[in-house]
Amino acid sequence: KVTAVSGIPLSTPAMIDCATARALKTWVDEGIVPAVGRKGGGLARLEIAASYTCRPRNNQKGAKISEHGRGRALDLAGVRLANGEVISVLKGWKSEPRLMKAVHKSACGTFGTVLGPKSDRFHQDHIHVDTARYRSGSYCR
């Protein structure tokens, strides 16, 4: 149960395994914090949409179990700045494209799978990251 990473609180506690927690710390320290920079006074909170939940991929009946069901996934809905402004993935992809695309890109490689608004209709409002590993390397869309 992760409630904060590098002093940055999560909007809701994330139930994730240790490898995913370590990857999240790397992403926060090396990707999200630098992408946000000093905008709005800096990063104040991560807006979490989902973590552990036992369900099939994309909530589609008959699909394989999601990485969320294994505690190896997290969905980031946006970032809250120190001035109180929230930059959501849904709106920020257009209003703050440099910031949101930098956040998205910085997860690639740290996580096995990174899915954002350009990946498919299921990820329009969040960035999905998980620590699944593939023989061909990271999957980043």
Foldseek 3Di string as FASTA:
>chain_A
DAQAAPQAGEPDDAQADPLLNVLVNCLVVVFQQVLCDCVQHTFRHWYWDAAADFAAVLNDPPHHTDVSVVRFKTKTQFTAHPNGDTQGLLNCCPVVVSSNVRSQVSSAQSFQEWDACVRDPSHNRTIMGGRDHDPVGHHGD
